[in-house]
C-alpha atoms as a PDB file:
ATOM      1  CA  MET A   1       0.310   0.090  -0.304  1.00  0.00           C
ATOM      2  CA  ALA A   2       1.588   3.080  -1.084  1.00  0.00           C
ATOM      3  CA  THR A   3       0.752   4.482   2.411  1.00  0.00           C
ATOM      4  CA  ASP A   4       3.303   1.899   4.018  1.00  0.00           C
ATOM      5  CA  ILE A   5       5.167   2.946   1.680  1.00  0.00           C
ATOM      6  CA  ASP A   6       5.495   6.268   1.836  1.00  0.00           C
ATOM      7  CA  GLU A   7       5.181   5.991   5.811  1.00  0.00           C
ATOM      8  CA  LEU A   8       8.352   8.176   7.549  1.00  0.00           C
ATOM      9  CA  LEU A   9      10.106   6.160   9.859  1.00  0.00           C
ATOM     10  CA  GLU A  10      11.807   7.149  13.169  1.00  0.00           C
ATOM     11  CA  PRO A  11      15.031   5.897  14.429  1.00  0.00           C
ATOM     12  CA  TYR A  12      15.085   3.060  17.405  1.00  0.00           C
ATOM     13  CA  ALA A  13      15.596   5.354  20.555  1.00  0.00           C
ATOM     14  CA  HIS A  14      18.736   3.001  22.240  1.00  0.00           C
ATOM     15  CA  ASP A  15      16.640   3.201  25.753  1.00  0.00           C
ATOM     16  CA  GLN A  16      13.426   1.308  23.936  1.00  0.00           C
ATOM     17  CA  PRO A  17      12.197  -2.499  23.156  1.00  0.00           C
ATOM     18  CA  GLU A  18      12.710  -2.053  19.563  1.00  0.00           C
ATOM     19  CA  TYR A  19      16.346  -1.462  19.630  1.00  0.00           C
ATOM     20  CA  ALA A  20      17.340  -4.237  21.604  1.00  0.00           C
ATOM     21  CA  HIS A  21      14.976  -6.562  19.459  1.00  0.00           C
ATOM     22  CA  ALA A  22      17.404  -5.139  16.593  1.00  0.00           C
ATOM     23  CA  PHE A  23      20.457  -5.518  18.271  1.00  0.00           C
ATOM     24  CA  GLY A  24      20.082  -8.691  19.283  1.00  0.00           C
ATOM     25  CA  THR A  25      19.036  -9.904  15.498  1.00  0.00           C
ATOM     26  CA  PHE A  26      22.178  -8.487  15.036  1.00  0.00           C
ATOM     27  CA  LEU A  27      23.624 -10.554  17.052  1.00  0.00           C
ATOM     28  CA  THR A  28      21.962 -13.400  16.205  1.00  0.00           C
ATOM     29  CA  HIS A  29      22.548 -13.434  12.382  1.00  0.00           C
ATOM     30  CA  THR A  30      26.429 -11.700  12.050  1.00  0.00           C
ATOM     31  CA  ASP A  31      30.035 -12.987  13.037  1.00  0.00           C
ATOM     32  CA  GLN A  32      31.090  -9.559  13.601  1.00  0.00           C
ATOM     33  CA  LYS A  33      31.450  -9.624  17.553  1.00  0.00           C
ATOM     34  CA  THR A  34      32.756 -14.017  17.010  1.00  0.00           C
ATOM     35  CA  LYS A  35      35.779 -12.266  15.014  1.00  0.00           C
ATOM     36  CA  ALA A  36      36.104  -9.411  17.262  1.00  0.00           C
ATOM     37  CA  ILE A  37      36.540 -11.345  20.383  1.00  0.00           C
ATOM     38  CA  GLY A  38      38.752 -13.931  18.609  1.00  0.00           C
ATOM     39  CA  TRP A  39      40.653 -11.430  17.467  1.00  0.00           C
ATOM     40  CA  LEU A  40      41.067  -8.897  20.664  1.00  0.00           C
ATOM     41  CA  THR A  41      41.653 -12.335  22.499  1.00  0.00           C
ATOM     42  CA  ASP A  42      45.222 -12.380  20.964  1.00  0.00           C
ATOM     43  CA  PHE A  43      45.822  -9.053  21.253  1.00  0.00           C
ATOM     44  CA  VAL A  44      45.161  -8.987  25.038  1.00  0.00           C
ATOM     45  CA  ASN A  45      47.180 -12.237  25.254  1.00  0.00           C
ATOM     46  CA  GLY A  46      50.001 -10.948  23.922  1.00  0.00           C
ATOM     47  CA  LEU A  47      50.312  -7.642  26.527  1.00  0.00           C
ATOM     48  CA  ARG A  48      52.901  -7.637  29.575  1.00  0.00           C
ATOM     49  CA  SER A  49      50.419  -7.418  32.136  1.00  0.00           C
ATOM     50  CA  HIS A  50      46.612  -8.446  33.336  1.00  0.00           C
ATOM     51  CA  GLY A  51      45.452  -5.979  36.069  1.00  0.00           C
ATOM     52  CA  LEU A  52      42.813  -3.528  34.932  1.00  0.00           C
ATOM     53  CA  PHE A  53      40.282  -3.881  32.203  1.00  0.00           C
ATOM     54  CA  VAL A  54      38.339  -0.723  31.116  1.00  0.00           C
ATOM     55  CA  ASP A  55      35.363  -1.521  28.563  1.00  0.00           C
ATOM     56  CA  ALA A  56      34.391   1.930  27.729  1.00  0.00           C
ATOM     57  CA  GLY A  57      30.918   1.443  25.918  1.00  0.00           C
ATOM     58  CA  ALA A  58      29.855  -1.871  27.240  1.00  0.00           C
ATOM     59  CA  GLY A  59      26.597  -2.303  25.937  1.00  0.00           C
ATOM     60  CA  GLU A  60      25.270  -5.635  27.037  1.00  0.00           C
ATOM     61  CA  GLY A  61      28.289  -6.889  28.329  1.00  0.00           C
ATOM     62  CA  SER A  62      28.677 -10.027  26.271  1.00  0.00           C
ATOM     63  CA  MET A  63      32.429  -9.069  24.322  1.00  0.00           C
ATOM     64  CA  THR A  64      32.636  -7.668  28.210  1.00  0.00           C
ATOM     65  CA  ALA A  65      32.346 -11.023  29.495  1.00  0.00           C
ATOM     66  CA  ALA A  66      34.598 -13.079  27.336  1.00  0.00           C
ATOM     67  CA  LEU A  67      37.210 -10.426  27.610  1.00  0.00           C
ATOM     68  CA  ALA A  68      36.974  -9.927  31.502  1.00  0.00           C
ATOM     69  CA  LYS A  69      38.466 -13.158  32.461  1.00  0.00           C
ATOM     70  CA  LEU A  70      41.288 -12.735  31.107  1.00  0.00           C
ATOM     71  CA  PHE A  71      42.252  -9.650  34.062  1.00  0.00           C
ATOM     72  CA  ASP A  72      41.845  -9.384  37.085  1.00  0.00           C
ATOM     73  CA  ARG A  73      39.463  -6.717  37.682  1.00  0.00           C
ATOM     74  CA  THR A  74      37.080  -5.182  35.159  1.00  0.00           C
ATOM     75  CA  ILE A  75      35.533  -1.905  35.057  1.00  0.00           C
ATOM     76  CA  ALA A  76      32.744  -1.378  32.612  1.00  0.00           C
ATOM     77  CA  ILE A  77      30.815   1.679  31.256  1.00  0.00           C
ATOM     78  CA  GLU A  78      27.539   1.848  30.337  1.00  0.00           C
ATOM     79  CA  PRO A  79      25.105   5.407  30.465  1.00  0.00           C
ATOM     80  CA  ASN A  80      22.349   2.965  28.990  1.00  0.00           C
ATOM     81  CA  SER A  81      19.932   2.472  31.238  1.00  0.00           C
ATOM     82  CA  ALA A  82      18.017   0.013  29.033  1.00  0.00           C
ATOM     83  CA  LEU A  83      21.261  -2.392  28.332  1.00  0.00           C
ATOM     84  CA  ARG A  84      22.758  -1.913  32.088  1.00  0.00           C
ATOM     85  CA  ALA A  85      20.120  -4.997  33.635  1.00  0.00           C
ATOM     86  CA  GLU A  86      21.978  -7.394  31.090  1.00  0.00           C
ATOM     87  CA  LEU A  87      25.492  -5.955  31.322  1.00  0.00           C
ATOM     88  CA  ALA A  88      25.283  -6.349  35.206  1.00  0.00           C
ATOM     89  CA  ARG A  89      24.133 -10.434  34.812  1.00  0.00           C
ATOM     90  CA  ARG A  90      26.645 -10.975  32.098  1.00  0.00           C
ATOM     91  CA  CYS A  91      29.459  -9.806  34.253  1.00  0.00           C
ATOM     92  CA  PRO A  92      28.141  -9.623  37.895  1.00  0.00           C
ATOM     93  CA  GLU A  93      32.497  -9.112  39.070  1.00  0.00           C
ATOM     94  CA  ALA A  94      32.484  -5.952  37.061  1.00  0.00           C
ATOM     95  CA  GLU A  95      32.099  -2.510  38.826  1.00  0.00           C
ATOM     96  CA  ILE A  96      29.585  -0.492  36.303  1.00  0.00           C
ATOM     97  CA  VAL A  97      30.247   2.958  36.125  1.00  0.00           C
ATOM     98  CA  GLU A  98      27.060   4.611  34.691  1.00  0.00           C
ATOM     99  CA  ALA A  99      28.214   8.041  32.572  1.00  0.00           C
ATOM    100  CA  PRO A 100      29.106   9.101  29.535  1.00  0.00           C
ATOM    101  CA  ILE A 101      33.237   8.275  28.556  1.00  0.00           C
ATOM    102  CA  ARG A 102      33.184  12.329  28.451  1.00  0.00           C
ATOM    103  CA  GLU A 103      32.273  12.066  32.532  1.00  0.00           C
ATOM    104  CA  ALA A 104      33.384   8.584  33.460  1.00  0.00           C
ATOM    105  CA  GLY A 105      36.351   8.723  36.365  1.00  0.00           C
ATOM    106  CA  ILE A 106      38.525   5.968  35.945  1.00  0.00           C
ATOM    107  CA  ALA A 107      41.455   6.125  38.610  1.00  0.00           C
ATOM    108  CA  SER A 108      43.494   3.038  38.640  1.00  0.00           C
ATOM    109  CA  PRO A 109      45.988   2.754  35.489  1.00  0.00           C
ATOM    110  CA  ALA A 110      44.217   0.224  33.347  1.00  0.00           C
ATOM    111  CA  ASP A 111      45.929  -2.662  31.116  1.00  0.00           C
ATOM    112  CA  PHE A 112      43.478  -2.495  28.437  1.00  0.00           C
ATOM    113  CA  VAL A 113      40.780  -0.122  27.682  1.00  0.00           C
ATOM    114  CA  LEU A 114      38.327  -1.551  25.119  1.00  0.00           C
ATOM    115  CA  CYS A 115      35.701   1.049  23.000  1.00  0.00           C
ATOM    116  CA  SER A 116      34.183  -1.219  20.350  1.00  0.00           C
ATOM    117  CA  HIS A 117      31.453   0.368  17.980  1.00  0.00           C
ATOM    118  CA  VAL A 118      31.000   3.204  20.347  1.00  0.00           C
ATOM    119  CA  LEU A 119      32.007   6.334  18.237  1.00  0.00           C
ATOM    120  CA  TYR A 120      29.165   6.887  16.238  1.00  0.00           C
ATOM    121  CA  TYR A 121      27.450   8.436  19.150  1.00  0.00           C
ATOM    122  CA  ILE A 122      30.160  10.913  19.471  1.00  0.00           C
ATOM    123  CA  GLN A 123      30.513  14.234  16.894  1.00  0.00           C
ATOM    124  CA  GLN A 124      32.971  13.089  15.404  1.00  0.00           C
ATOM    125  CA  SER A 125      35.047  16.622  15.451  1.00  0.00           C
ATOM    126  CA  ASP A 126      35.081  15.192  19.419  1.00  0.00           C
ATOM    127  CA  TRP A 127      36.765  12.228  18.384  1.00  0.00           C
ATOM    128  CA  THR A 128      40.362  13.073  19.226  1.00  0.00           C
ATOM    129  CA  ASP A 129      39.474  14.266  22.739  1.00  0.00           C
ATOM    130  CA  THR A 130      37.732  10.658  22.886  1.00  0.00           C
ATOM    131  CA  LEU A 131      40.911   8.994  21.711  1.00  0.00           C
ATOM    132  CA  GLU A 132      42.903  11.171  24.727  1.00  0.00           C
ATOM    133  CA  ARG A 133      40.602  10.162  27.147  1.00  0.00           C
ATOM    134  CA  LEU A 134      40.694   6.311  26.776  1.00  0.00           C
ATOM    135  CA  THR A 135      44.003   6.304  26.399  1.00  0.00           C
ATOM    136  CA  SER A 136      44.378   8.703  29.430  1.00  0.00           C
ATOM    137  CA  TRP A 137      43.540   5.671  31.809  1.00  0.00           C
ATOM    138  CA  LEU A 138      46.425   3.583  30.337  1.00  0.00           C
ATOM    139  CA  GLY A 139      49.621   2.631  33.162  1.00  0.00           C
ATOM    140  CA  ALA A 140      52.785   1.739  31.614  1.00  0.00           C
ATOM    141  CA  TYR A 141      52.769  -0.762  28.538  1.00  0.00           C
ATOM    142  CA  GLY A 142      48.586  -0.301  28.551  1.00  0.00           C
ATOM    143  CA  ALA A 143      46.974  -0.485  25.221  1.00  0.00           C
ATOM    144  CA  ALA A 144      43.497   0.826  24.006  1.00  0.00           C
ATOM    145  CA  VAL A 145      41.545  -0.283  21.194  1.00  0.00           C
ATOM    146  CA  VAL A 146      38.820   1.489  19.616  1.00  0.00           C
ATOM    147  CA  LEU A 147      36.583  -0.448  17.271  1.00  0.00           C
ATOM    148  CA  LEU A 148      34.774   0.312  14.401  1.00  0.00           C
ATOM    149  CA  GLY A 149      32.651  -0.409  11.008  1.00  0.00           C
ATOM    150  CA  ASN A 150      35.389   0.259   7.928  1.00  0.00           C
ATOM    151  CA  SER A 151      34.623   2.699   5.230  1.00  0.00           C
ATOM    152  CA  ASN A 152      33.628   0.009   2.239  1.00  0.00           C
ATOM    153  CA  ALA A 153      31.457  -2.420   4.675  1.00  0.00           C
ATOM    154  CA  ASP A 154      27.877  -1.393   3.447  1.00  0.00           C
ATOM    155  CA  VAL A 155      26.164  -0.745   7.109  1.00  0.00           C
ATOM    156  CA  ILE A 156      28.618   2.631   6.761  1.00  0.00           C
ATOM    157  CA  ALA A 157      27.653   2.982   3.157  1.00  0.00           C
ATOM    158  CA  LEU A 158      24.393   3.172   4.149  1.00  0.00           C
ATOM    159  CA  LEU A 159      25.336   6.894   5.725  1.00  0.00           C
ATOM    160  CA  ARG A 160      26.320   7.793   2.736  1.00  0.00           C
ATOM    161  CA  GLU A 161      23.140   6.980   0.841  1.00  0.00           C
ATOM    162  CA  PHE A 162      20.165   7.886   3.455  1.00  0.00           C
ATOM    163  CA  PHE A 163      22.601  11.328   5.092  1.00  0.00           C
ATOM    164  CA  GLY A 164      25.029  12.075   2.825  1.00  0.00           C
ATOM    165  CA  ARG A 165      27.864  11.167   5.650  1.00  0.00           C
ATOM    166  CA  ASN A 166      31.036   9.344   5.410  1.00  0.00           C
ATOM    167  CA  ILE A 167      32.963   7.682   8.844  1.00  0.00           C
ATOM    168  CA  ASP A 168      36.631   8.220   8.999  1.00  0.00           C
ATOM    169  CA  LEU A 169      38.560   7.620  11.804  1.00  0.00           C
ATOM    170  CA  ALA A 170      41.981   8.888  10.217  1.00  0.00           C
ATOM    171  CA  PRO A 171      41.872  12.454  10.939  1.00  0.00           C
ATOM    172  CA  ALA A 172      41.413  12.061  14.137  1.00  0.00           C
ATOM    173  CA  VAL A 173      44.257   9.277  14.632  1.00  0.00           C
ATOM    174  CA  GLN A 174      46.757  11.840  12.538  1.00  0.00           C
ATOM    175  CA  GLU A 175      45.855  14.174  15.355  1.00  0.00           C
ATOM    176  CA  PHE A 176      46.663  12.457  18.186  1.00  0.00           C
ATOM    177  CA  LYS A 177      49.680  11.281  16.192  1.00  0.00           C
ATOM    178  CA  ALA A 178      50.564  14.914  16.175  1.00  0.00           C
ATOM    179  CA  ARG A 179      50.359  15.117  19.910  1.00  0.00           C
ATOM    180  CA  HIS A 180      51.925  12.074  21.039  1.00  0.00           C
ATOM    181  CA  ASP A 181      54.771  10.121  19.944  1.00  0.00           C
ATOM    182  CA  ASP A 182      55.212   7.519  22.261  1.00  0.00           C
ATOM    183  CA  PHE A 183      52.230   5.089  21.122  1.00  0.00           C
ATOM    184  CA  GLU A 184      52.394   2.667  18.633  1.00  0.00           C
ATOM    185  CA  ILE A 185      49.570   2.696  16.723  1.00  0.00           C
ATOM    186  CA  VAL A 186      48.241   0.226  13.726  1.00  0.00           C
ATOM    187  CA  THR A 187      44.606  -0.539  12.375  1.00  0.00           C
ATOM    188  CA  HIS A 188      43.614  -3.830  11.529  1.00  0.00           C
ATOM    189  CA  THR A 189      40.447  -4.649   9.442  1.00  0.00           C
ATOM    190  CA  LEU A 190      37.811  -7.679  10.572  1.00  0.00           C
ATOM    191  CA  ASN A 191      36.304  -8.278   7.261  1.00  0.00           C
ATOM    192  CA  CYS A 192      32.707  -9.305   8.951  1.00  0.00           C
ATOM    193  CA  GLU A 193      29.187  -9.755   7.779  1.00  0.00           C
ATOM    194  CA  VAL A 194      25.413 -10.147   8.820  1.00  0.00           C
ATOM    195  CA  VAL A 195      23.056 -12.763   6.864  1.00  0.00           C
ATOM    196  CA  VAL A 196      19.116 -12.542   7.306  1.00  0.00           C
ATOM    197  CA  ASP A 197      16.205 -14.525   5.323  1.00  0.00           C
ATOM    198  CA  ASP A 198      13.570 -12.615   5.492  1.00  0.00           C
ATOM    199  CA  LEU A 199      13.024  -8.832   4.026  1.00  0.00           C
ATOM    200  CA  GLU A 200      11.914  -8.064   7.278  1.00  0.00           C
ATOM    201  CA  SER A 201      14.293  -8.331   9.431  1.00  0.00           C
ATOM    202  CA  ALA A 202      16.677  -7.186   6.670  1.00  0.00           C
ATOM    203  CA  CYS A 203      14.716  -3.441   6.984  1.00  0.00           C
ATOM    204  CA  THR A 204      14.963  -3.961  10.541  1.00  0.00           C
ATOM    205  CA  LEU A 205      18.993  -4.816  10.580  1.00  0.00           C
ATOM    206  CA  THR A 206      19.065  -1.055   7.637  1.00  0.00           C
ATOM    207  CA  ARG A 207      17.086   1.007  10.360  1.00  0.00           C
ATOM    208  CA  PHE A 208      19.129  -0.329  13.229  1.00  0.00           C
ATOM    209  CA  PHE A 209      21.835   0.572  11.713  1.00  0.00           C
ATOM    210  CA  LEU A 210      20.545   4.122  10.785  1.00  0.00           C
ATOM    211  CA  SER A 211      19.637   4.997  14.437  1.00  0.00           C
ATOM    212  CA  ASP A 212      22.807   4.997  15.332  1.00  0.00           C
ATOM    213  CA  TYR A 213      23.849   8.603  14.268  1.00  0.00           C
ATOM    214  CA  PRO A 214      22.196  11.705  14.676  1.00  0.00           C
ATOM    215  CA  ASP A 215      21.155  13.488  11.613  1.00  0.00           C
ATOM    216  CA  TRP A 216      18.049  11.414  11.118  1.00  0.00           C
ATOM    217  CA  GLY A 217      16.071  13.836   9.159  1.00  0.00           C
ATOM    218  CA  ARG A 218      12.541  13.552   7.912  1.00  0.00           C
ATOM    219  CA  THR A 219      14.074  11.127   4.776  1.00  0.00           C
ATOM    220  CA  VAL A 220      13.943   7.497   5.920  1.00  0.00           C
ATOM    221  CA  THR A 221      10.479   6.084   4.593  1.00  0.00           C
ATOM    222  CA  ARG A 222       9.650   2.820   4.376  1.00  0.00           C
ATOM    223  CA  GLY A 223       9.398   2.337   0.582  1.00  0.00           C
ATOM    224  CA  ARG A 224      13.186   3.528   0.914  1.00  0.00           C
ATOM    225  CA  VAL A 225      14.534   1.622   2.702  1.00  0.00           C
ATOM    226  CA  GLU A 226      12.769  -1.238   1.312  1.00  0.00           C
ATOM    227  CA  GLU A 227      13.932  -0.134  -1.405  1.00  0.00           C
ATOM    228  CA  TYR A 228      17.688  -0.015  -1.132  1.00  0.00           C
ATOM    229  CA  VAL A 229      18.040  -3.257   0.904  1.00  0.00           C
ATOM    230  CA  ARG A 230      16.070  -5.132  -2.505  1.00  0.00           C
ATOM    231  CA  SER A 231      18.902  -3.322  -4.526  1.00  0.00           C
ATOM    232  CA  HIS A 232      21.719  -4.552  -2.488  1.00  0.00           C
ATOM    233  CA  PHE A 233      21.338  -6.705  -0.080  1.00  0.00           C
ATOM    234  CA  THR A 234      19.675  -9.441  -1.989  1.00  0.00           C
ATOM    235  CA  ASP A 235      21.809 -12.748  -1.644  1.00  0.00           C
ATOM    236  CA  PRO A 236      20.963 -16.302  -2.841  1.00  0.00           C
ATOM    237  CA  HIS A 237      20.699 -17.032   0.884  1.00  0.00           C
ATOM    238  CA  GLY A 238      18.167 -14.220   1.885  1.00  0.00           C
ATOM    239  CA  TYR A 239      19.901 -11.044   2.721  1.00  0.00           C
ATOM    240  CA  ARG A 240      23.555 -10.587   3.367  1.00  0.00           C
ATOM    241  CA  LEU A 241      25.384  -6.980   4.428  1.00  0.00           C
ATOM    242  CA  SER A 242      28.984  -6.609   4.597  1.00  0.00           C
ATOM    243  CA  CYS A 243      29.686  -4.951   8.130  1.00  0.00           C
ATOM    244  CA  SER A 244      33.718  -5.264   8.425  1.00  0.00           C
ATOM    245  CA  GLN A 245      35.226  -3.797  11.276  1.00  0.00           C
ATOM    246  CA  ASP A 246      38.342  -2.001  11.976  1.00  0.00           C
ATOM    247  CA  ALA A 247      40.602  -2.502  14.680  1.00  0.00           C
ATOM    248  CA  LEU A 248      42.733   0.518  16.003  1.00  0.00           C
ATOM    249  CA  SER A 249      45.320  -0.177  18.625  1.00  0.00           C
ATOM    250  CA  LEU A 250      46.875   2.558  20.774  1.00  0.00           C
ATOM    251  CA  LEU A 251      50.126   0.979  22.041  1.00  0.00           C
ATOM    252  CA  ARG A 252      51.930   2.835  24.748  1.00  0.00           C
ATOM    253  CA  ARG A 253      55.555   2.205  24.120  1.00  0.00           C
END
């Protein structure tokens, strides 16, 4: 029906059940988190010390729980009340900080700081300062890792299509490098995808990915989402979206 096709969609609110449901759909049908945990585990095993782990933006805690067992102590930063209950259930030993990164106080020096797919919620003009804050929590020989969607991934291409916006961490990294010469900085790309069987799930995921950005505007209609999904994500096995991620590692020398 024309009315349905022309329906203006709203972004999923991060503290509402619809967002949690869409997030669950993503986690069930992607290899992104599995590949990230595998890579991060290898990276962490190479660190000199495993005292304190800080997860800056821990979400529902699945990644936090996987890595916390490698450390003596874990601090999980998560301002979203809708996610904290599951975070506390998954990570009962973790100290939970109910504040955004810019306000979180971490007194003890950390051996590892993770910021996984959180920068989407922060203005790009503030990314350098965010890198500064994350690395300020590190102790001697500590390391921070920032995970972010790769610019060539389908989930990032959605931003260019619907909002005319791109995700590029390079300027913040270059500015950070100009301020610091005591970090070894490397970017690693992890190839990942999400595959679902039906159009409704694919559209739910597309709306979910678009909901992470503040400039939604009035341009996202049900018909436009369905047309884009059919033309870009149709696959013999259903619908397939690449969601490859970059892992930026900052290791204090």
